[in-house]
Protein backbone atom coordinates (compact mmCIF):
# COMPACT_ATOMS: atom_id res chain seq x y z
CA MET A 1 8.04 20.15 1.03
CA ALA A 2 9.55 19.86 -2.43
CA GLU A 3 7.67 17.88 -5.06
CA GLU A 4 10.86 16.78 -6.76
CA THR A 5 13.06 13.88 -5.76
CA ASP A 6 15.65 15.37 -3.42
CA ASN A 7 15.43 18.50 -5.64
CA ASP A 8 16.78 16.35 -8.49
CA PRO A 9 14.24 16.21 -11.33
CA GLU A 10 16.56 14.06 -13.43
CA LYS A 11 16.57 11.33 -10.81
CA LEU A 12 12.78 11.38 -10.71
CA ARG A 13 12.64 11.37 -14.50
CA GLU A 14 14.87 8.30 -14.63
CA LEU A 15 12.72 6.44 -12.12
CA ILE A 16 9.54 7.21 -14.05
CA THR A 17 10.66 6.69 -17.61
CA ARG A 18 12.51 3.40 -17.13
CA ALA A 19 9.63 1.68 -15.32
CA ARG A 20 7.99 -0.96 -17.47
CA VAL A 21 6.09 -2.39 -14.52
CA VAL A 22 4.63 -0.24 -11.74
CA LEU A 23 3.81 -1.80 -8.37
CA TRP A 24 1.46 0.32 -6.30
CA ASP A 25 0.74 0.20 -2.63
CA PHE A 26 -3.00 0.80 -2.26
CA ASP A 27 -3.88 2.74 0.89
CA GLY A 28 -1.94 5.98 0.52
CA PRO A 29 -0.66 6.31 -3.04
CA ILE A 30 -3.99 5.37 -4.67
CA CYS A 31 -6.45 6.49 -2.02
CA ARG A 32 -6.92 7.24 1.66
CA LEU A 33 -9.01 4.20 2.45
CA PHE A 34 -10.00 5.33 5.93
CA ALA A 35 -10.53 8.99 5.10
CA GLY A 36 -14.16 8.80 6.22
CA HIS A 37 -14.06 5.58 8.22
CA SER A 38 -11.59 5.90 11.05
CA ALA A 39 -8.80 3.33 11.13
CA GLU A 40 -8.31 4.20 14.79
CA ARG A 41 -11.92 3.30 15.51
CA VAL A 42 -11.55 0.03 13.60
CA ALA A 43 -8.45 -0.87 15.63
CA ALA A 44 -10.25 -0.04 18.85
CA GLU A 45 -13.23 -2.17 17.84
CA LEU A 46 -10.99 -5.13 16.99
CA ALA A 47 -9.30 -4.77 20.36
CA GLY A 48 -12.72 -4.52 22.02
CA TRP A 49 -13.86 -7.68 20.27
CA LEU A 50 -10.82 -9.49 21.64
CA GLU A 51 -11.52 -8.12 25.09
CA GLY A 52 -15.10 -9.39 24.86
CA ARG A 53 -13.70 -12.86 24.33
CA GLY A 54 -11.37 -12.52 27.30
CA LEU A 55 -8.35 -12.10 25.03
CA HIS A 56 -7.43 -8.47 25.67
CA GLY A 57 -4.13 -9.63 27.14
CA LEU A 58 -2.97 -10.72 23.68
CA LEU A 59 -2.08 -7.11 22.90
CA THR A 60 0.66 -5.14 24.58
CA GLU A 61 0.13 -1.54 25.61
CA SER A 62 2.29 -0.31 22.74
CA GLU A 63 0.29 -2.37 20.23
CA LEU A 64 -2.94 -0.92 21.59
CA GLU A 65 -1.55 2.60 21.46
CA THR A 66 -0.70 2.38 17.74
CA LEU A 67 -4.43 2.44 16.90
CA ASP A 68 -3.54 0.56 13.71
CA PRO A 69 -5.83 -2.37 12.76
CA HIS A 70 -3.02 -4.13 10.93
CA VAL A 71 -0.86 -4.00 14.04
CA VAL A 72 -3.69 -5.60 16.02
CA LEU A 73 -4.14 -8.33 13.41
CA ARG A 74 -0.45 -9.16 13.13
CA ALA A 75 0.02 -9.15 16.88
CA VAL A 76 -2.68 -11.79 17.34
CA ASP A 77 -1.30 -13.83 14.44
CA ARG A 78 2.17 -13.89 16.02
CA ARG A 79 0.69 -15.40 19.17
CA HIS A 80 -1.86 -17.70 17.51
CA PRO A 81 -0.62 -18.24 13.94
CA GLY A 82 -3.07 -19.82 11.55
CA SER A 83 -5.82 -20.07 14.16
CA ASP A 84 -9.58 -19.69 13.73
CA LEU A 85 -9.25 -16.63 15.94
CA VAL A 86 -6.94 -14.97 13.45
CA ALA A 87 -9.16 -15.96 10.52
CA GLU A 88 -12.19 -14.39 12.20
CA LEU A 89 -10.29 -11.25 13.14
CA GLU A 90 -8.98 -10.92 9.57
CA GLU A 91 -12.50 -11.25 8.17
CA ARG A 92 -13.72 -8.58 10.57
CA LEU A 93 -10.98 -6.26 9.36
CA THR A 94 -11.82 -7.04 5.73
CA GLN A 95 -15.47 -6.15 6.32
CA GLU A 96 -14.42 -2.83 7.87
CA GLU A 97 -12.14 -2.15 4.88
CA LEU A 98 -14.99 -2.95 2.49
CA ARG A 99 -17.24 -0.47 4.30
CA ALA A 100 -14.45 2.11 4.13
CA THR A 101 -14.33 2.00 0.32
CA ALA A 102 -17.61 3.96 0.23
CA THR A 103 -15.90 7.00 1.74
CA ALA A 104 -12.32 6.44 0.55
CA LEU A 105 -10.68 9.62 -0.74
CA PRO A 106 -8.85 9.22 -4.07
CA THR A 107 -5.27 10.47 -3.96
CA ALA A 108 -4.89 13.55 -6.13
CA TYR A 109 -3.62 12.70 -9.64
CA ALA A 110 -3.59 8.95 -8.94
CA ASP A 111 -6.43 8.09 -11.34
CA PRO A 112 -5.01 9.95 -14.37
CA LEU A 113 -1.50 8.72 -13.57
CA ILE A 114 -2.71 5.11 -13.52
CA ARG A 115 -4.57 5.56 -16.79
CA THR A 116 -1.60 7.31 -18.42
CA TRP A 117 0.82 4.56 -17.43
CA THR A 118 -1.57 2.06 -19.00
CA ALA A 119 -1.87 4.18 -22.14
CA VAL A 120 1.89 4.31 -22.65
CA GLY A 121 2.16 0.53 -22.37
CA SER A 122 3.43 0.00 -18.84
CA ARG A 123 1.87 -2.81 -16.85
CA GLN A 124 0.65 -2.20 -13.33
CA ALA A 125 -0.04 -4.25 -10.22
CA ILE A 126 -1.13 -3.55 -6.67
CA ALA A 127 0.92 -4.99 -3.82
CA THR A 128 -0.82 -4.22 -0.56
CA ASN A 129 -1.47 -5.34 2.99
CA ASN A 130 -5.18 -4.64 2.47
CA SER A 131 -7.61 -7.32 1.39
CA PRO A 132 -7.64 -7.88 -2.39
CA ARG A 133 -11.45 -7.88 -2.19
CA VAL A 134 -11.27 -4.30 -0.95
CA VAL A 135 -8.89 -3.23 -3.70
CA ARG A 136 -11.04 -4.76 -6.42
CA ARG A 137 -14.17 -3.04 -5.12
CA TYR A 138 -12.42 0.33 -5.09
CA LEU A 139 -10.97 -0.15 -8.58
CA THR A 140 -14.39 -1.13 -9.90
CA ASP A 141 -15.98 1.95 -8.36
CA ARG A 142 -13.32 4.18 -9.95
CA GLY A 143 -13.35 2.48 -13.36
CA LEU A 144 -9.73 1.42 -12.98
CA THR A 145 -10.08 -2.37 -12.98
CA SER A 146 -8.78 -2.82 -16.52
CA CYS A 147 -5.53 -1.02 -15.62
CA PHE A 148 -4.60 -3.77 -13.15
CA THR A 149 -6.48 -6.96 -14.07
CA PRO A 150 -5.58 -9.53 -12.91
CA HIS A 151 -2.65 -8.20 -10.92
CA VAL A 152 -3.93 -7.42 -7.43
CA TYR A 153 -1.84 -8.98 -4.67
CA GLY A 154 -3.13 -8.36 -1.19
CA ARG A 155 -3.48 -9.83 2.25
CA THR A 156 -3.78 -13.61 2.52
CA GLN A 157 -4.21 -15.92 5.50
CA ASP A 158 -0.40 -16.05 5.72
CA LEU A 159 -0.12 -12.84 7.68
CA HIS A 160 3.60 -13.24 8.28
CA LEU A 161 4.00 -12.52 4.56
CA LEU A 162 2.58 -9.00 4.79
CA LYS A 163 4.93 -6.16 3.97
CA PRO A 164 7.70 -5.50 4.92
CA ASP A 165 8.06 -9.05 3.63
CA PRO A 166 8.47 -8.77 -0.17
CA HIS A 167 6.08 -11.66 -0.86
CA CYS A 168 3.35 -9.64 -2.62
CA LEU A 169 5.91 -7.77 -4.73
CA ASN A 170 7.60 -11.00 -5.74
CA ARG A 171 4.22 -12.53 -6.62
CA ALA A 172 3.49 -9.58 -8.87
CA LEU A 173 6.89 -9.67 -10.58
CA SER A 174 6.67 -13.42 -11.13
CA ALA A 175 3.14 -13.28 -12.54
CA MET A 176 4.10 -10.47 -14.89
CA GLY A 177 7.40 -12.02 -15.93
CA ALA A 178 9.19 -8.81 -14.96
CA SER A 179 12.67 -8.26 -13.63
CA PRO A 180 12.99 -6.13 -10.49
CA SER A 181 15.15 -3.57 -12.30
CA ALA A 182 12.38 -2.91 -14.83
CA ALA A 183 9.86 -2.19 -12.08
CA LEU A 184 9.02 0.70 -9.78
CA MET A 185 7.31 0.48 -6.39
CA ILE A 186 5.23 3.44 -5.22
CA GLY A 187 4.55 3.35 -1.48
CA ASP A 188 4.03 5.63 1.48
CA THR A 189 5.44 3.72 4.47
CA PRO A 190 8.81 2.40 5.63
CA SER A 191 7.43 -1.14 5.28
CA ASP A 192 6.80 -0.46 1.57
CA LEU A 193 10.38 0.72 1.23
CA GLU A 194 11.76 -2.32 3.05
CA ALA A 195 9.72 -4.68 0.88
CA ALA A 196 10.94 -2.95 -2.30
CA GLN A 197 14.54 -3.13 -1.14
CA SER A 198 14.19 -6.83 -0.35
CA ALA A 199 12.68 -7.44 -3.79
CA ARG A 200 15.41 -5.25 -5.38
CA VAL A 201 12.79 -2.96 -6.91
CA PRO A 202 13.44 0.81 -7.24
CA PHE A 203 11.24 2.81 -4.88
CA LEU A 204 9.38 6.10 -5.10
CA GLY A 205 7.93 7.36 -1.86
CA TYR A 206 4.66 9.27 -1.73
CA ALA A 207 4.26 11.44 1.38
CA ARG A 208 1.06 13.44 1.76
CA ASN A 209 2.43 15.29 4.78
CA ALA A 210 5.69 16.19 6.48
CA LEU A 211 5.46 13.40 9.06
CA LYS A 212 5.15 10.72 6.40
CA GLU A 213 8.08 12.20 4.52
CA LYS A 214 10.17 12.26 7.70
CA ARG A 215 9.43 8.58 8.35
CA LEU A 216 10.30 7.61 4.79
CA ARG A 217 13.51 9.64 4.82
CA GLU A 218 14.56 8.20 8.17
CA ALA A 219 13.97 4.70 6.80
CA GLY A 220 16.34 5.46 3.93
CA ALA A 221 14.10 6.61 1.09
CA THR A 222 15.93 8.97 -1.24
CA SER A 223 13.10 9.47 -3.74
CA VAL A 224 10.01 11.06 -2.21
CA VAL A 225 7.27 13.27 -3.69
CA SER A 226 4.54 15.14 -1.86
CA SER A 227 2.22 15.02 -4.87
CA LEU A 228 1.79 12.67 -7.83
CA GLU A 229 1.39 15.67 -10.15
CA PRO A 230 5.08 15.92 -11.12
CA VAL A 231 5.11 12.18 -11.83
CA LEU A 232 2.12 12.59 -14.16
CA LYS A 233 3.70 15.59 -15.89
CA LEU A 234 6.95 13.74 -16.48
CA LEU A 235 5.17 10.70 -17.83
CA ARG A 236 3.05 12.76 -20.20
CA ALA A 237 6.09 14.69 -21.39
CA HIS A 238 7.93 11.48 -22.13
CA ALA A 239 4.99 9.78 -23.88
């Protein structure tokens, strides 16, 4: 898979060099949160917890088959919005995410790219469906907190506002006083792309494998890299 944007380095260069504000998704572009702490197992345990309370019927077969903890959480929220059940399930997921930070795998070149963007004067924020408590713990462990403080916008109790809703992106832009055209969103899922489009923010897809690239391309992403290395090289060359 090519590391350049549709084999057009000038298009990638334009995306990188005009960004005054960089909005990062967390799990994917910055790290693989569940690299050593299986997301599939977490989803299964959340489903098992529901089953233990006699609530297994809240999830459809397709929702169970996704093995995605966020799918489980959102499915329950759709059926019991704002309930104590959802609050407890969300806290259980947050605790699993916190445990996962201990074995999270940093995305190659993410740390130096983040530090370089800070060094050249760009401001950065994280807009994620993960808990902000999880993000802050990871950033602290990696020595990256100062690159984002205080701009970490993650999951709240209003689960209907998770991406693909642009809520967290709009919160970041508003807090930073930035226009969408001056920003760049880096994400690895179609929901990241949809949120960026809704917020009118240019989007750069990060795809660590061919399947993720295929999903991004099919969703309409035109700017996708398989490594953050060319982004770092371009930024350093332009500094």
